[in-house]
Protein backbone atom coordinates (compact mmCIF):
# COMPACT_ATOMS: atom_id res chain seq x y z
CA MET A 1 -10.92 -7.45 -45.55
CA LYS A 2 -9.70 -9.98 -42.96
CA THR A 3 -7.22 -7.43 -41.61
CA LYS A 4 -9.92 -4.81 -41.14
CA LEU A 5 -12.16 -7.33 -39.40
CA PHE A 6 -9.30 -8.41 -37.12
CA VAL A 7 -8.43 -4.80 -36.20
CA LEU A 8 -12.07 -3.94 -35.55
CA THR A 9 -12.50 -7.04 -33.35
CA PHE A 10 -9.27 -6.31 -31.47
CA LEU A 11 -10.24 -2.69 -30.78
CA THR A 12 -13.71 -3.70 -29.59
CA LEU A 13 -12.38 -6.35 -27.22
CA THR A 14 -9.65 -4.01 -25.91
CA ASN A 15 -12.22 -1.31 -25.13
CA LEU A 16 -14.42 -3.84 -23.34
CA LEU A 17 -11.51 -5.08 -21.22
CA PHE A 18 -10.35 -1.57 -20.29
CA GLY A 19 -13.94 -0.61 -19.48
CA GLN A 20 -14.28 -3.60 -17.16
CA THR A 21 -11.01 -2.74 -15.38
CA ALA A 22 -12.12 0.88 -14.95
CA GLU A 23 -15.43 -0.30 -13.46
CA ARG A 24 -13.64 -2.67 -11.08
CA ILE A 25 -11.27 0.12 -9.97
CA ALA A 26 -14.24 2.46 -9.42
CA ALA A 27 -15.97 -0.19 -7.26
CA VAL A 28 -12.83 -0.63 -5.13
CA ARG A 29 -12.38 3.13 -4.80
CA LYS A 30 -15.95 3.47 -3.58
CA LYS A 31 -15.35 0.86 -0.85
CA VAL A 32 -12.03 2.47 0.15
CA GLU A 33 -13.68 5.89 0.36
CA ALA A 34 -16.37 4.48 2.65
CA ILE A 35 -13.70 2.88 4.86
CA ASN A 36 -11.74 6.14 5.03
CA THR A 37 -14.75 8.28 5.90
CA GLU A 38 -15.92 6.01 8.74
CA LYS A 39 -15.20 7.65 12.11
CA SER A 40 -16.27 5.09 14.72
CA TYR A 41 -13.48 2.53 14.53
CA GLN A 42 -11.98 0.58 17.37
CA ILE A 43 -8.24 1.01 16.84
CA LYS A 44 -5.56 -1.43 17.95
CA LYS A 45 -1.96 -0.18 17.77
CA LEU A 46 1.31 -2.04 17.97
CA ASP A 47 4.16 0.39 18.54
CA ASN A 48 7.89 0.10 18.02
CA ASP A 49 8.37 -1.98 21.20
CA TYR A 50 6.39 -4.82 19.61
CA PHE A 51 8.66 -4.86 16.56
CA VAL A 52 11.86 -4.63 18.62
CA ASN A 53 11.03 -6.89 21.58
CA VAL A 54 8.67 -9.44 20.02
CA LYS A 55 9.73 -9.61 16.39
CA ASN A 56 13.37 -8.53 16.82
CA GLU A 57 13.05 -6.04 13.95
CA PRO A 58 14.70 -2.77 14.96
CA THR A 59 14.71 0.04 12.39
CA ASP A 60 16.31 3.47 12.19
CA GLY A 61 13.07 5.37 12.71
CA GLY A 62 10.79 2.85 14.42
CA GLN A 63 7.65 1.08 13.27
CA GLU A 64 3.94 1.26 14.02
CA LEU A 65 1.04 -0.96 13.04
CA SER A 66 -2.59 0.10 13.47
CA GLY A 67 -5.70 -1.95 12.85
CA TYR A 68 -9.10 -0.29 12.34
CA TYR A 69 -12.06 -2.46 13.36
CA LYS A 70 -15.77 -1.96 12.81
CA ASN A 71 -18.16 -4.40 14.50
CA GLY A 72 -15.25 -6.74 15.15
CA LYS A 73 -14.17 -6.84 11.48
CA LEU A 74 -10.83 -5.51 10.32
CA LYS A 75 -11.37 -2.81 7.71
CA LYS A 76 -7.98 -1.13 7.44
CA ILE A 77 -4.36 -1.56 8.47
CA ILE A 78 -1.79 1.21 8.47
CA TYR A 79 1.88 0.22 8.74
CA SER A 80 4.64 2.81 8.89
CA VAL A 81 8.37 2.29 9.20
CA GLY A 82 11.18 4.80 9.54
CA LEU A 83 14.23 3.80 7.55
CA SER A 84 17.67 5.29 7.04
CA TYR A 85 16.53 7.05 3.85
CA GLY A 86 13.13 8.24 5.10
CA MET A 87 9.71 6.73 5.68
CA LYS A 88 7.54 4.02 4.14
CA THR A 89 3.81 3.81 4.79
CA CYS A 90 1.38 1.15 3.58
CA GLU A 91 -2.38 1.16 4.01
CA TYR A 92 -4.28 -2.09 3.50
CA PHE A 93 -8.04 -2.07 2.95
CA PHE A 94 -10.40 -4.99 3.47
CA SER A 95 -13.96 -5.76 2.44
CA ASP A 96 -15.65 -8.94 3.70
CA ASP A 97 -12.30 -10.00 5.21
CA GLU A 98 -10.63 -9.84 1.80
CA LEU A 99 -7.80 -7.50 0.74
CA ILE A 100 -9.14 -5.10 -1.88
CA PHE A 101 -6.60 -2.26 -2.03
CA VAL A 102 -3.13 -1.25 -0.89
CA PHE A 103 -1.76 2.28 -0.93
CA GLU A 104 2.01 2.44 -0.56
CA LYS A 105 3.99 5.65 -0.11
CA GLN A 106 7.75 6.12 0.13
CA ASP A 107 9.25 9.40 1.30
CA GLN A 108 12.91 10.24 1.53
CA PHE A 109 14.71 12.84 3.56
CA ALA A 110 15.32 16.08 1.69
CA ASP A 111 18.82 16.76 0.43
CA LEU A 112 20.98 19.33 2.17
CA LYS A 113 22.96 21.34 -0.35
CA ASP A 114 25.83 23.75 -0.07
CA GLN A 115 26.16 27.09 -1.87
CA SER A 116 27.30 25.39 -5.07
CA ASN A 117 24.20 23.15 -5.01
CA GLN A 118 26.20 20.03 -4.12
CA VAL A 119 24.45 17.51 -1.89
CA THR A 120 26.14 17.48 1.52
CA GLY A 121 23.75 15.27 3.46
CA SER A 122 20.12 14.75 4.39
CA ASP A 123 17.68 16.96 6.25
CA HIS A 124 16.05 14.58 8.73
CA THR A 125 13.32 17.12 9.50
CA LYS A 126 11.89 17.21 5.95
CA LEU A 127 10.43 14.40 3.89
CA GLU A 128 9.83 14.46 0.15
CA SER A 129 7.47 12.04 -1.57
CA VAL A 130 9.30 9.93 -4.15
CA TYR A 131 6.86 7.08 -4.82
CA THR A 132 3.21 6.14 -4.51
CA GLY A 133 1.66 2.85 -5.52
CA ARG A 134 -1.99 1.90 -5.73
CA PHE A 135 -2.68 -1.82 -5.90
CA TYR A 136 -6.18 -3.10 -6.67
CA PHE A 137 -7.23 -6.63 -5.69
CA GLU A 138 -10.18 -8.87 -6.41
CA ASN A 139 -10.47 -12.44 -5.12
CA SER A 140 -6.88 -12.28 -3.82
CA LYS A 141 -5.59 -11.37 -7.28
CA LEU A 142 -3.85 -8.11 -8.13
CA PHE A 143 -5.70 -6.80 -11.19
CA SER A 144 -4.38 -3.24 -11.52
CA ILE A 145 -1.36 -1.19 -10.47
CA LYS A 146 -1.05 2.60 -10.61
CA GLN A 147 2.39 3.99 -9.72
CA THR A 148 3.96 7.42 -9.67
CA GLY A 149 7.60 8.21 -8.99
CA ARG A 150 10.20 5.55 -8.37
CA GLU A 151 10.44 2.95 -5.65
CA ILE A 152 13.57 3.42 -3.57
CA PHE A 153 14.56 -0.21 -3.07
CA THR A 154 11.90 -2.73 -3.99
CA LYS A 155 11.23 -3.05 -7.70
CA MET A 156 9.12 -6.14 -8.30
CA ASP A 157 7.16 -7.67 -11.09
CA LYS A 158 3.39 -7.90 -10.71
CA LYS A 159 3.33 -11.52 -9.44
CA SER A 160 6.03 -10.87 -6.80
CA LYS A 161 4.35 -7.66 -5.64
CA GLU A 162 1.01 -9.47 -5.39
CA ALA A 163 2.57 -12.21 -3.26
CA GLU A 164 4.39 -9.67 -1.05
CA LEU A 165 1.30 -7.56 -0.38
CA LEU A 166 -0.92 -10.57 0.33
CA LYS A 167 1.68 -12.01 2.73
CA GLU A 168 2.22 -8.69 4.54
CA SER A 169 -1.52 -8.13 4.95
CA LYS A 170 -1.93 -11.65 6.35
CA ASP A 171 1.04 -11.29 8.73
CA PHE A 172 -0.12 -7.88 9.96
CA ARG A 173 -3.67 -9.16 10.41
CA LEU A 174 -2.40 -12.07 12.53
CA ALA A 175 -0.19 -9.79 14.66
CA LEU A 176 -3.10 -7.45 15.32
CA GLN A 177 -5.43 -10.34 16.10
CA LYS A 178 -2.99 -11.77 18.65
CA ALA A 179 -2.55 -8.37 20.28
CA LYS A 180 -6.29 -7.71 20.27
CA SER A 181 -7.03 -10.96 22.09
CA LYS A 182 -4.62 -10.10 24.95
């Protein structure tokens, strides 16, 4: 009898917790959709020269950082970097000056193959998606991760990924703010 009661209680609590997470994800998605459909942003861009000359961070394929502002408030940041293997793009979304969502995508250059299907190099004109990550935040805490594919280099636990994404969003926000005030 105690076992049945325990199992029933466990299943009920588990369903409640998953239902709450699904509702929180839906609320974040709704905000992100509204941010993405907005058309009247003021956009501030920092191109590759900023990363090379100011930050001393040269990359194989360059970097670009764009901030999307509405009524003076930062709503979205897009960061893209070209690397030796391909391209990495991260989009950071904000609501009430708080990070709510990050979409990360990693693409790699397509393989060049010979007649026997052996890889002979990379086709630098074609990118293939190998990884996407969706990171949901609430009160500066990562509460859900949805990933497809495999990350090329960075494989982190949840706490490390949370810290990395919060730090990057803060650093990018500061860089854009400095550039915007010039």
